Structure formats: structure tokens, C-alpha cells
Amino acid sequence: GQTLDALQYLTSLTLNKGYDDYVKVKIDTENYRERRKAT
């Protein structure tokens, strides 16, 4: 999931740049996050 994590981090930086009210970003595909969590 390293590429997906990098994509999520990059998107979060872009979304929150210049703002004080931080908004989280969660990017998933094919339910990977839940499958990885169970593993």
C-alpha cells in the first residue's frame, strides 16, 4: 500500500495548503484498507 499511502499524503497536502481548518483525506480502492487492516 505504499503507493496508495503516498497518493493520499500528496492529496492531503494539496487540499489543505493555505488553510487553517485541516481536512483529512482517505483514499481507498477495492476495499484495500479494510483488507490490509485485517491482515
PDB file of all heavy atoms in Angstrom:
ATOM      1  N   GLY A   1       0.784  -1.229   0.000  1.00  0.00           N
ATOM      2  CA  GLY A   1       0.000   0.000   0.000  1.00  0.00           C
ATOM      3  C   GLY A   1       0.812   1.273   0.000  1.00  0.00           C
ATOM      4  O   GLY A   1       0.263   2.362   0.224  1.00  0.00           O
ATOM      5  N   GLN A   2       2.120   1.171  -0.272  1.00  0.00           N
ATOM      6  CA  GLN A   2       2.979   2.353  -0.181  1.00  0.00           C
ATOM      7  C   GLN A   2       2.610   3.423  -1.211  1.00  0.00           C
ATOM      8  O   GLN A   2       2.620   4.616  -0.910  1.00  0.00           O
ATOM      9  CB  GLN A   2       4.444   1.941  -0.348  1.00  0.00           C
ATOM     10  CG  GLN A   2       4.980   1.129   0.823  1.00  0.00           C
ATOM     11  CD  GLN A   2       6.412   0.666   0.619  1.00  0.00           C
ATOM     12  OE1 GLN A   2       6.957   0.787  -0.469  1.00  0.00           O
ATOM     13  NE2 GLN A   2       7.020   0.138   1.660  1.00  0.00           N
ATOM     14  N   THR A   3       2.275   2.998  -2.427  1.00  0.00           N
ATOM     15  CA  THR A   3       1.897   3.971  -3.462  1.00  0.00           C
ATOM     16  C   THR A   3       0.579   4.650  -3.107  1.00  0.00           C
ATOM     17  O   THR A   3       0.426   5.868  -3.266  1.00  0.00           O
ATOM     18  CB  THR A   3       1.783   3.282  -4.836  1.00  0.00           C
ATOM     19  OG1 THR A   3       3.009   2.624  -5.143  1.00  0.00           O
ATOM     20  CG2 THR A   3       1.473   4.301  -5.922  1.00  0.00           C
ATOM     21  N   LEU A   4      -0.361   3.879  -2.615  1.00  0.00           N
ATOM     22  CA  LEU A   4      -1.661   4.433  -2.211  1.00  0.00           C
ATOM     23  C   LEU A   4      -1.491   5.414  -1.061  1.00  0.00           C
ATOM     24  O   LEU A   4      -2.125   6.472  -1.023  1.00  0.00           O
ATOM     25  CB  LEU A   4      -2.600   3.297  -1.815  1.00  0.00           C
ATOM     26  CG  LEU A   4      -4.090   3.644  -1.707  1.00  0.00           C
ATOM     27  CD1 LEU A   4      -4.642   4.047  -3.063  1.00  0.00           C
ATOM     28  CD2 LEU A   4      -4.871   2.455  -1.172  1.00  0.00           C
ATOM     29  N   ASP A   5      -0.621   5.095  -0.112  1.00  0.00           N
ATOM     30  CA  ASP A   5      -0.351   5.992   1.015  1.00  0.00           C
ATOM     31  C   ASP A   5       0.291   7.293   0.537  1.00  0.00           C
ATOM     32  O   ASP A   5      -0.050   8.382   1.022  1.00  0.00           O
ATOM     33  CB  ASP A   5       0.575   5.316   2.030  1.00  0.00           C
ATOM     34  CG  ASP A   5      -0.122   4.199   2.803  1.00  0.00           C
ATOM     35  OD1 ASP A   5      -1.365   4.208   2.833  1.00  0.00           O
ATOM     36  OD2 ASP A   5       0.577   3.332   3.348  1.00  0.00           O
ATOM     37  N   ALA A   6       1.229   7.183  -0.411  1.00  0.00           N
ATOM     38  CA  ALA A   6       1.887   8.377  -0.949  1.00  0.00           C
ATOM     39  C   ALA A   6       0.884   9.253  -1.686  1.00  0.00           C
ATOM     40  O   ALA A   6       0.910  10.489  -1.573  1.00  0.00           O
ATOM     41  CB  ALA A   6       3.029   7.978  -1.877  1.00  0.00           C
ATOM     42  N   LEU A   7      -0.008   8.627  -2.431  1.00  0.00           N
ATOM     43  CA  LEU A   7      -1.051   9.360  -3.156  1.00  0.00           C
ATOM     44  C   LEU A   7      -1.980  10.069  -2.182  1.00  0.00           C
ATOM     45  O   LEU A   7      -2.352  11.232  -2.390  1.00  0.00           O
ATOM     46  CB  LEU A   7      -1.836   8.377  -4.029  1.00  0.00           C
ATOM     47  CG  LEU A   7      -2.957   8.946  -4.894  1.00  0.00           C
ATOM     48  CD1 LEU A   7      -2.391   9.922  -5.911  1.00  0.00           C
ATOM     49  CD2 LEU A   7      -3.693   7.812  -5.603  1.00  0.00           C
ATOM     50  N   GLN A   8      -2.318   9.411  -1.094  1.00  0.00           N
ATOM     51  CA  GLN A   8      -3.189  10.007  -0.071  1.00  0.00           C
ATOM     52  C   GLN A   8      -2.507  11.193   0.592  1.00  0.00           C
ATOM     53  O   GLN A   8      -3.127  12.240   0.825  1.00  0.00           O
ATOM     54  CB  GLN A   8      -3.548   8.935   0.955  1.00  0.00           C
ATOM     55  CG  GLN A   8      -4.447   9.402   2.077  1.00  0.00           C
ATOM     56  CD  GLN A   8      -4.912   8.251   2.944  1.00  0.00           C
ATOM     57  OE1 GLN A   8      -5.750   7.449   2.549  1.00  0.00           O
ATOM     58  NE2 GLN A   8      -4.363   8.138   4.143  1.00  0.00           N
ATOM     59  N   TYR A   9      -1.226  11.037   0.913  1.00  0.00           N
ATOM     60  CA  TYR A   9      -0.468  12.115   1.552  1.00  0.00           C
ATOM     61  C   TYR A   9      -0.346  13.324   0.638  1.00  0.00           C
ATOM     62  O   TYR A   9      -0.537  14.473   1.058  1.00  0.00           O
ATOM     63  CB  TYR A   9       0.916  11.586   1.921  1.00  0.00           C
ATOM     64  CG  TYR A   9       1.834  12.630   2.526  1.00  0.00           C
ATOM     65  CD1 TYR A   9       1.599  13.145   3.792  1.00  0.00           C
ATOM     66  CD2 TYR A   9       2.943  13.084   1.817  1.00  0.00           C
ATOM     67  CE1 TYR A   9       2.438  14.096   4.349  1.00  0.00           C
ATOM     68  CE2 TYR A   9       3.793  14.039   2.372  1.00  0.00           C
ATOM     69  CZ  TYR A   9       3.541  14.536   3.628  1.00  0.00           C
ATOM     70  OH  TYR A   9       4.370  15.484   4.165  1.00  0.00           O
ATOM     71  N   LEU A  10      -0.052  13.078  -0.624  1.00  0.00           N
ATOM     72  CA  LEU A  10       0.094  14.155  -1.600  1.00  0.00           C
ATOM     73  C   LEU A  10      -1.218  14.919  -1.772  1.00  0.00           C
ATOM     74  O   LEU A  10      -1.247  16.154  -1.805  1.00  0.00           O
ATOM     75  CB  LEU A  10       0.543  13.569  -2.940  1.00  0.00           C
ATOM     76  CG  LEU A  10       0.736  14.527  -4.110  1.00  0.00           C
ATOM     77  CD1 LEU A  10       1.862  15.502  -3.821  1.00  0.00           C
ATOM     78  CD2 LEU A  10       1.036  13.753  -5.388  1.00  0.00           C
ATOM     79  N   THR A  11      -2.319  14.185  -1.831  1.00  0.00           N
ATOM     80  CA  THR A  11      -3.636  14.810  -1.985  1.00  0.00           C
ATOM     81  C   THR A  11      -3.997  15.634  -0.758  1.00  0.00           C
ATOM     82  O   THR A  11      -4.565  16.726  -0.867  1.00  0.00           O
ATOM     83  CB  THR A  11      -4.706  13.730  -2.233  1.00  0.00           C
ATOM     84  OG1 THR A  11      -4.324  12.929  -3.350  1.00  0.00           O
ATOM     85  CG2 THR A  11      -6.060  14.360  -2.518  1.00  0.00           C
ATOM     86  N   SER A  12      -3.656  15.138   0.423  1.00  0.00           N
ATOM     87  CA  SER A  12      -3.929  15.864   1.661  1.00  0.00           C
ATOM     88  C   SER A  12      -3.154  17.180   1.711  1.00  0.00           C
ATOM     89  O   SER A  12      -3.702  18.221   2.106  1.00  0.00           O
ATOM     90  CB  SER A  12      -3.562  14.993   2.862  1.00  0.00           C
ATOM     91  OG  SER A  12      -3.756  15.696   4.068  1.00  0.00           O
ATOM     92  N   LEU A  13      -1.885  17.149   1.302  1.00  0.00           N
ATOM     93  CA  LEU A  13      -1.084  18.374   1.279  1.00  0.00           C
ATOM     94  C   LEU A  13      -1.710  19.416   0.356  1.00  0.00           C
ATOM     95  O   LEU A  13      -1.796  20.600   0.681  1.00  0.00           O
ATOM     96  CB  LEU A  13       0.333  18.061   0.801  1.00  0.00           C
ATOM     97  CG  LEU A  13       1.281  17.354   1.773  1.00  0.00           C
ATOM     98  CD1 LEU A  13       2.630  17.149   1.106  1.00  0.00           C
ATOM     99  CD2 LEU A  13       1.447  18.152   3.059  1.00  0.00           C
ATOM    100  N   THR A  14      -2.135  18.955  -0.806  1.00  0.00           N
ATOM    101  CA  THR A  14      -2.716  19.869  -1.794  1.00  0.00           C
ATOM    102  C   THR A  14      -4.031  20.462  -1.298  1.00  0.00           C
ATOM    103  O   THR A  14      -4.276  21.661  -1.440  1.00  0.00           O
ATOM    104  CB  THR A  14      -2.951  19.120  -3.114  1.00  0.00           C
ATOM    105  OG1 THR A  14      -1.719  18.558  -3.568  1.00  0.00           O
ATOM    106  CG2 THR A  14      -3.495  20.056  -4.189  1.00  0.00           C
ATOM    107  N   LEU A  15      -4.874  19.626  -0.699  1.00  0.00           N
ATOM    108  CA  LEU A  15      -6.188  20.083  -0.228  1.00  0.00           C
ATOM    109  C   LEU A  15      -6.071  21.095   0.898  1.00  0.00           C
ATOM    110  O   LEU A  15      -6.836  22.056   0.967  1.00  0.00           O
ATOM    111  CB  LEU A  15      -7.007  18.873   0.235  1.00  0.00           C
ATOM    112  CG  LEU A  15      -8.388  19.179   0.831  1.00  0.00           C
ATOM    113  CD1 LEU A  15      -9.294  19.796  -0.222  1.00  0.00           C
ATOM    114  CD2 LEU A  15      -9.016  17.916   1.402  1.00  0.00           C
ATOM    115  N   ASN A  16      -5.105  20.916   1.797  1.00  0.00           N
ATOM    116  CA  ASN A  16      -5.026  21.755   2.999  1.00  0.00           C
ATOM    117  C   ASN A  16      -4.059  22.921   2.889  1.00  0.00           C
ATOM    118  O   ASN A  16      -3.936  23.703   3.838  1.00  0.00           O
ATOM    119  CB  ASN A  16      -4.626  20.877   4.189  1.00  0.00           C
ATOM    120  CG  ASN A  16      -5.744  19.937   4.599  1.00  0.00           C
ATOM    121  OD1 ASN A  16      -6.762  20.357   5.126  1.00  0.00           O
ATOM    122  ND2 ASN A  16      -5.558  18.652   4.334  1.00  0.00           N
ATOM    123  N   LYS A  17      -3.373  23.045   1.767  1.00  0.00           N
ATOM    124  CA  LYS A  17      -2.397  24.116   1.633  1.00  0.00           C
ATOM    125  C   LYS A  17      -3.086  25.488   1.694  1.00  0.00           C
ATOM    126  O   LYS A  17      -4.039  25.761   0.969  1.00  0.00           O
ATOM    127  CB  LYS A  17      -1.642  23.982   0.306  1.00  0.00           C
ATOM    128  CG  LYS A  17      -0.514  24.986   0.166  1.00  0.00           C
ATOM    129  CD  LYS A  17       0.298  24.724  -1.078  1.00  0.00           C
ATOM    130  CE  LYS A  17       1.468  25.692  -1.166  1.00  0.00           C
ATOM    131  NZ  LYS A  17       2.296  25.458  -2.361  1.00  0.00           N
ATOM    132  N   GLY A  18      -2.613  26.341   2.604  1.00  0.00           N
ATOM    133  CA  GLY A  18      -3.136  27.695   2.730  1.00  0.00           C
ATOM    134  C   GLY A  18      -4.338  27.827   3.635  1.00  0.00           C
ATOM    135  O   GLY A  18      -4.881  28.923   3.796  1.00  0.00           O
ATOM    136  N   TYR A  19      -4.774  26.702   4.254  1.00  0.00           N
ATOM    137  CA  TYR A  19      -5.948  26.751   5.127  1.00  0.00           C
ATOM    138  C   TYR A  19      -5.578  26.342   6.549  1.00  0.00           C
ATOM    139  O   TYR A  19      -4.683  25.526   6.766  1.00  0.00           O
ATOM    140  CB  TYR A  19      -7.044  25.809   4.615  1.00  0.00           C
ATOM    141  CG  TYR A  19      -7.650  26.248   3.297  1.00  0.00           C
ATOM    142  CD1 TYR A  19      -7.244  25.668   2.099  1.00  0.00           C
ATOM    143  CD2 TYR A  19      -8.617  27.239   3.258  1.00  0.00           C
ATOM    144  CE1 TYR A  19      -7.794  26.065   0.886  1.00  0.00           C
ATOM    145  CE2 TYR A  19      -9.178  27.650   2.054  1.00  0.00           C
ATOM    146  CZ  TYR A  19      -8.761  27.061   0.869  1.00  0.00           C
ATOM    147  OH  TYR A  19      -9.311  27.449  -0.313  1.00  0.00           O
ATOM    148  N   ASP A  20      -6.296  26.906   7.520  1.00  0.00           N
ATOM    149  CA  ASP A  20      -6.077  26.565   8.919  1.00  0.00           C
ATOM    150  C   ASP A  20      -6.997  25.448   9.391  1.00  0.00           C
ATOM    151  O   ASP A  20      -6.725  24.793  10.393  1.00  0.00           O
ATOM    152  CB  ASP A  20      -6.283  27.796   9.804  1.00  0.00           C
ATOM    153  CG  ASP A  20      -5.260  28.888   9.500  1.00  0.00           C
ATOM    154  OD1 ASP A  20      -4.065  28.564   9.438  1.00  0.00           O
ATOM    155  OD2 ASP A  20      -5.664  30.056   9.329  1.00  0.00           O
ATOM    156  N   ASP A  21      -8.108  25.244   8.700  1.00  0.00           N
ATOM    157  CA  ASP A  21      -9.054  24.193   9.096  1.00  0.00           C
ATOM    158  C   ASP A  21      -8.697  22.896   8.360  1.00  0.00           C
ATOM    159  O   ASP A  21      -9.074  22.685   7.231  1.00  0.00           O
ATOM    160  CB  ASP A  21     -10.504  24.609   8.810  1.00  0.00           C
ATOM    161  CG  ASP A  21     -10.703  25.019   7.358  1.00  0.00           C
ATOM    162  OD1 ASP A  21      -9.713  25.374   6.683  1.00  0.00           O
ATOM    163  OD2 ASP A  21     -11.854  24.956   6.883  1.00  0.00           O
ATOM    164  N   TYR A  22      -7.956  22.027   9.039  1.00  0.00           N
ATOM    165  CA  TYR A  22      -7.430  20.811   8.419  1.00  0.00           C
ATOM    166  C   TYR A  22      -8.548  19.820   8.113  1.00  0.00           C
ATOM    167  O   TYR A  22      -9.422  19.563   8.946  1.00  0.00           O
ATOM    168  CB  TYR A  22      -6.407  20.158   9.341  1.00  0.00           C
ATOM    169  CG  TYR A  22      -5.740  18.946   8.752  1.00  0.00           C
ATOM    170  CD1 TYR A  22      -4.701  19.070   7.835  1.00  0.00           C
ATOM    171  CD2 TYR A  22      -6.166  17.670   9.106  1.00  0.00           C
ATOM    172  CE1 TYR A  22      -4.092  17.957   7.290  1.00  0.00           C
ATOM    173  CE2 TYR A  22      -5.559  16.549   8.562  1.00  0.00           C
ATOM    174  CZ  TYR A  22      -4.526  16.703   7.656  1.00  0.00           C
ATOM    175  OH  TYR A  22      -3.934  15.597   7.109  1.00  0.00           O
ATOM    176  N   VAL A  23      -8.511  19.279   6.908  1.00  0.00           N
ATOM    177  CA  VAL A  23      -9.467  18.265   6.476  1.00  0.00           C
ATOM    178  C   VAL A  23      -8.688  17.006   6.099  1.00  0.00           C
ATOM    179  O   VAL A  23      -7.727  17.061   5.344  1.00  0.00           O
ATOM    180  CB  VAL A  23     -10.289  18.751   5.260  1.00  0.00           C
ATOM    181  CG1 VAL A  23     -11.198  17.630   4.753  1.00  0.00           C
ATOM    182  CG2 VAL A  23     -11.116  19.979   5.631  1.00  0.00           C
ATOM    183  N   LYS A  24      -9.096  15.868   6.661  1.00  0.00           N
ATOM    184  CA  LYS A  24      -8.409  14.609   6.386  1.00  0.00           C
ATOM    185  C   LYS A  24      -8.812  14.066   5.014  1.00  0.00           C
ATOM    186  O   LYS A  24      -9.892  14.378   4.498  1.00  0.00           O
ATOM    187  CB  LYS A  24      -8.747  13.578   7.468  1.00  0.00           C
ATOM    188  CG  LYS A  24      -8.200  13.921   8.836  1.00  0.00           C
ATOM    189  CD  LYS A  24      -8.537  12.837   9.845  1.00  0.00           C
ATOM    190  CE  LYS A  24     -10.006  12.834  10.189  1.00  0.00           C
ATOM    191  NZ  LYS A  24     -10.337  11.871  11.275  1.00  0.00           N
ATOM    192  N   VAL A  25      -7.942  13.249   4.460  1.00  0.00           N
ATOM    193  CA  VAL A  25      -8.207  12.600   3.175  1.00  0.00           C
ATOM    194  C   VAL A  25      -7.977  11.105   3.329  1.00  0.00           C
ATOM    195  O   VAL A  25      -6.953  10.677   3.869  1.00  0.00           O
ATOM    196  CB  VAL A  25      -7.290  13.144   2.056  1.00  0.00           C
ATOM    197  CG1 VAL A  25      -7.514  12.363   0.759  1.00  0.00           C
ATOM    198  CG2 VAL A  25      -7.536  14.628   1.828  1.00  0.00           C
ATOM    199  N   LYS A  26      -8.942  10.315   2.890  1.00  0.00           N
ATOM    200  CA  LYS A  26      -8.784   8.852   2.880  1.00  0.00           C
ATOM    201  C   LYS A  26      -9.015   8.368   1.459  1.00  0.00           C
ATOM    202  O   LYS A  26     -10.084   8.582   0.892  1.00  0.00           O
ATOM    203  CB  LYS A  26      -9.780   8.195   3.833  1.00  0.00           C
ATOM    204  CG  LYS A  26      -9.692   6.667   3.830  1.00  0.00           C
ATOM    205  CD  LYS A  26     -10.748   6.043   4.720  1.00  0.00           C
ATOM    206  CE  LYS A  26     -10.685   4.522   4.668  1.00  0.00           C
ATOM    207  NZ  LYS A  26     -11.743   3.893   5.499  1.00  0.00           N
ATOM    208  N   ILE A  27      -8.008   7.733   0.886  1.00  0.00           N
ATOM    209  CA  ILE A  27      -8.114   7.200  -0.468  1.00  0.00           C
ATOM    210  C   ILE A  27      -8.034   5.685  -0.403  1.00  0.00           C
ATOM    211  O   ILE A  27      -7.115   5.122   0.199  1.00  0.00           O
ATOM    212  CB  ILE A  27      -7.001   7.753  -1.384  1.00  0.00           C
ATOM    213  CG1 ILE A  27      -7.129   9.278  -1.487  1.00  0.00           C
ATOM    214  CG2 ILE A  27      -7.070   7.119  -2.762  1.00  0.00           C
ATOM    215  CD1 ILE A  27      -6.107   9.924  -2.398  1.00  0.00           C
ATOM    216  N   ASP A  28      -8.998   5.012  -1.027  1.00  0.00           N
ATOM    217  CA  ASP A  28      -9.059   3.549  -0.993  1.00  0.00           C
ATOM    218  C   ASP A  28      -9.416   3.020  -2.378  1.00  0.00           C
ATOM    219  O   ASP A  28      -9.924   3.766  -3.230  1.00  0.00           O
ATOM    220  CB  ASP A  28     -10.111   3.095   0.032  1.00  0.00           C
ATOM    221  CG  ASP A  28      -9.922   1.651   0.455  1.00  0.00           C
ATOM    222  OD1 ASP A  28      -8.940   1.015   0.012  1.00  0.00           O
ATOM    223  OD2 ASP A  28     -10.759   1.143   1.229  1.00  0.00           O
ATOM    224  N   THR A  29      -9.138   1.739  -2.594  1.00  0.00           N
ATOM    225  CA  THR A  29      -9.529   1.076  -3.836  1.00  0.00           C
ATOM    226  C   THR A  29      -9.695  -0.405  -3.558  1.00  0.00           C
ATOM    227  O   THR A  29      -8.896  -1.007  -2.829  1.00  0.00           O
ATOM    228  CB  THR A  29      -8.486   1.288  -4.949  1.00  0.00           C
ATOM    229  OG1 THR A  29      -8.901   0.578  -6.122  1.00  0.00           O
ATOM    230  CG2 THR A  29      -7.101   0.806  -4.546  1.00  0.00           C
ATOM    231  N   GLU A  30     -10.779  -0.957  -4.092  1.00  0.00           N
ATOM    232  CA  GLU A  30     -11.058  -2.387  -3.944  1.00  0.00           C
ATOM    233  C   GLU A  30     -11.054  -2.816  -2.472  1.00  0.00           C
ATOM    234  O   GLU A  30     -10.611  -3.907  -2.137  1.00  0.00           O
ATOM    235  CB  GLU A  30     -10.045  -3.214  -4.753  1.00  0.00           C
ATOM    236  CG  GLU A  30     -10.094  -2.916  -6.240  1.00  0.00           C
ATOM    237  CD  GLU A  30      -9.031  -3.665  -7.034  1.00  0.00           C
ATOM    238  OE1 GLU A  30      -8.109  -4.230  -6.408  1.00  0.00           O
ATOM    239  OE2 GLU A  30      -9.112  -3.677  -8.270  1.00  0.00           O
ATOM    240  N   ASN A  31     -11.479  -1.926  -1.590  1.00  0.00           N
ATOM    241  CA  ASN A  31     -11.554  -2.192  -0.148  1.00  0.00           C
ATOM    242  C   ASN A  31     -10.198  -2.612   0.424  1.00  0.00           C
ATOM    243  O   ASN A  31     -10.119  -3.389   1.384  1.00  0.00           O
ATOM    244  CB  ASN A  31     -12.596  -3.294   0.131  1.00  0.00           C
ATOM    245  CG  ASN A  31     -13.108  -3.252   1.556  1.00  0.00           C
ATOM    246  OD1 ASN A  31     -13.200  -2.193   2.165  1.00  0.00           O
ATOM    247  ND2 ASN A  31     -13.429  -4.415   2.111  1.00  0.00           N
ATOM    248  N   TYR A  32      -9.139  -2.071  -0.136  1.00  0.00           N
ATOM    249  CA  TYR A  32      -7.786  -2.458   0.291  1.00  0.00           C
ATOM    250  C   TYR A  32      -7.526  -2.109   1.753  1.00  0.00           C
ATOM    251  O   TYR A  32      -6.905  -2.890   2.475  1.00  0.00           O
ATOM    252  CB  TYR A  32      -6.734  -1.768  -0.588  1.00  0.00           C
ATOM    253  CG  TYR A  32      -5.328  -1.997  -0.090  1.00  0.00           C
ATOM    254  CD1 TYR A  32      -4.675  -3.185  -0.349  1.00  0.00           C
ATOM    255  CD2 TYR A  32      -4.674  -1.028   0.681  1.00  0.00           C
ATOM    256  CE1 TYR A  32      -3.392  -3.417   0.143  1.00  0.00           C
ATOM    257  CE2 TYR A  32      -3.392  -1.252   1.172  1.00  0.00           C
ATOM    258  CZ  TYR A  32      -2.760  -2.450   0.899  1.00  0.00           C
ATOM    259  OH  TYR A  32      -1.503  -2.673   1.390  1.00  0.00           O
ATOM    260  N   ARG A  33      -7.991  -0.955   2.197  1.00  0.00           N
ATOM    261  CA  ARG A  33      -7.707  -0.510   3.571  1.00  0.00           C
ATOM    262  C   ARG A  33      -8.234  -1.505   4.602  1.00  0.00           C
ATOM    263  O   ARG A  33      -7.529  -1.851   5.559  1.00  0.00           O
ATOM    264  CB  ARG A  33      -8.318   0.869   3.819  1.00  0.00           C
ATOM    265  CG  ARG A  33      -7.808   1.978   2.922  1.00  0.00           C
ATOM    266  CD  ARG A  33      -6.400   2.346   3.234  1.00  0.00           C
ATOM    267  NE  ARG A  33      -5.939   3.501   2.452  1.00  0.00           N
ATOM    268  CZ  ARG A  33      -4.682   3.880   2.377  1.00  0.00           C
ATOM    269  NH1 ARG A  33      -3.741   3.220   3.024  1.00  0.00           N
ATOM    270  NH2 ARG A  33      -4.341   4.929   1.646  1.00  0.00           N
ATOM    271  N   GLU A  34      -9.459  -1.986   4.412  1.00  0.00           N
ATOM    272  CA  GLU A  34     -10.038  -2.930   5.363  1.00  0.00           C
ATOM    273  C   GLU A  34      -9.327  -4.271   5.301  1.00  0.00           C
ATOM    274  O   GLU A  34      -9.089  -4.914   6.326  1.00  0.00           O
ATOM    275  CB  GLU A  34     -11.539  -3.114   5.092  1.00  0.00           C
ATOM    276  CG  GLU A  34     -12.411  -1.963   5.572  1.00  0.00           C
ATOM    277  CD  GLU A  34     -12.288  -1.748   7.071  1.00  0.00           C
ATOM    278  OE1 GLU A  34     -12.271  -2.750   7.820  1.00  0.00           O
ATOM    279  OE2 GLU A  34     -12.209  -0.579   7.495  1.00  0.00           O
ATOM    280  N   ARG A  35      -8.996  -4.711   4.083  1.00  0.00           N
ATOM    281  CA  ARG A  35      -8.295  -5.989   3.939  1.00  0.00           C
ATOM    282  C   ARG A  35      -6.922  -5.929   4.588  1.00  0.00           C
ATOM    283  O   ARG A  35      -6.482  -6.869   5.253  1.00  0.00           O
ATOM    284  CB  ARG A  35      -8.179  -6.362   2.460  1.00  0.00           C
ATOM    285  CG  ARG A  35      -9.514  -6.734   1.813  1.00  0.00           C
ATOM    286  CD  ARG A  35      -9.349  -7.285   0.417  1.00  0.00           C
ATOM    287  NE  ARG A  35      -9.007  -6.243  -0.548  1.00  0.00           N
ATOM    288  CZ  ARG A  35      -7.856  -6.158  -1.182  1.00  0.00           C
ATOM    289  NH1 ARG A  35      -6.897  -7.034  -0.943  1.00  0.00           N
ATOM    290  NH2 ARG A  35      -7.627  -5.195  -2.061  1.00  0.00           N
ATOM    291  N   ARG A  36      -6.229  -4.810   4.393  1.00  0.00           N
ATOM    292  CA  ARG A  36      -4.907  -4.643   4.990  1.00  0.00           C
ATOM    293  C   ARG A  36      -5.007  -4.570   6.516  1.00  0.00           C
ATOM    294  O   ARG A  36      -4.174  -5.133   7.233  1.00  0.00           O
ATOM    295  CB  ARG A  36      -4.249  -3.380   4.438  1.00  0.00           C
ATOM    296  CG  ARG A  36      -2.862  -3.071   4.990  1.00  0.00           C
ATOM    297  CD  ARG A  36      -1.867  -4.148   4.658  1.00  0.00           C
ATOM    298  NE  ARG A  36      -0.534  -3.787   5.125  1.00  0.00           N
ATOM    299  CZ  ARG A  36       0.498  -4.637   5.167  1.00  0.00           C
ATOM    300  NH1 ARG A  36       0.348  -5.887   4.754  1.00  0.00           N
ATOM    301  NH2 ARG A  36       1.675  -4.225   5.593  1.00  0.00           N
ATOM    302  N   LYS A  37      -6.031  -3.914   7.023  1.00  0.00           N
ATOM    303  CA  LYS A  37      -6.239  -3.812   8.465  1.00  0.00           C
ATOM    304  C   LYS A  37      -6.429  -5.191   9.078  1.00  0.00           C
ATOM    305  O   LYS A  37      -5.840  -5.514  10.122  1.00  0.00           O
ATOM    306  CB  LYS A  37      -7.451  -2.933   8.767  1.00  0.00           C
ATOM    307  CG  LYS A  37      -7.728  -2.774  10.259  1.00  0.00           C
ATOM    308  CD  LYS A  37      -8.974  -1.936  10.499  1.00  0.00           C
ATOM    309  CE  LYS A  37      -9.261  -1.829  11.995  1.00  0.00           C
ATOM    310  NZ  LYS A  37     -10.518  -1.084  12.261  1.00  0.00           N
ATOM    311  N   ALA A  38      -7.242  -6.037   8.424  1.00  0.00           N
ATOM    312  CA  ALA A  38      -7.470  -7.388   8.924  1.00  0.00           C
ATOM    313  C   ALA A  38      -6.172  -8.192   8.928  1.00  0.00           C
ATOM    314  O   ALA A  38      -5.901  -8.958   9.867  1.00  0.00           O
ATOM    315  CB  ALA A  38      -8.528  -8.092   8.074  1.00  0.00           C
ATOM    316  N   THR A  39      -5.348  -8.002   7.897  1.00  0.00           N
ATOM    317  CA  THR A  39      -4.060  -8.700   7.822  1.00  0.00           C
ATOM    318  C   THR A  39      -3.146  -8.280   8.967  1.00  0.00           C
ATOM    319  O   THR A  39      -2.493  -9.116   9.607  1.00  0.00           O
ATOM    320  CB  THR A  39      -3.376  -8.408   6.478  1.00  0.00           C
ATOM    321  OG1 THR A  39      -4.208  -8.872   5.403  1.00  0.00           O
ATOM    322  CG2 THR A  39      -2.022  -9.094   6.399  1.00  0.00           C
TER     323      THR A  39
END
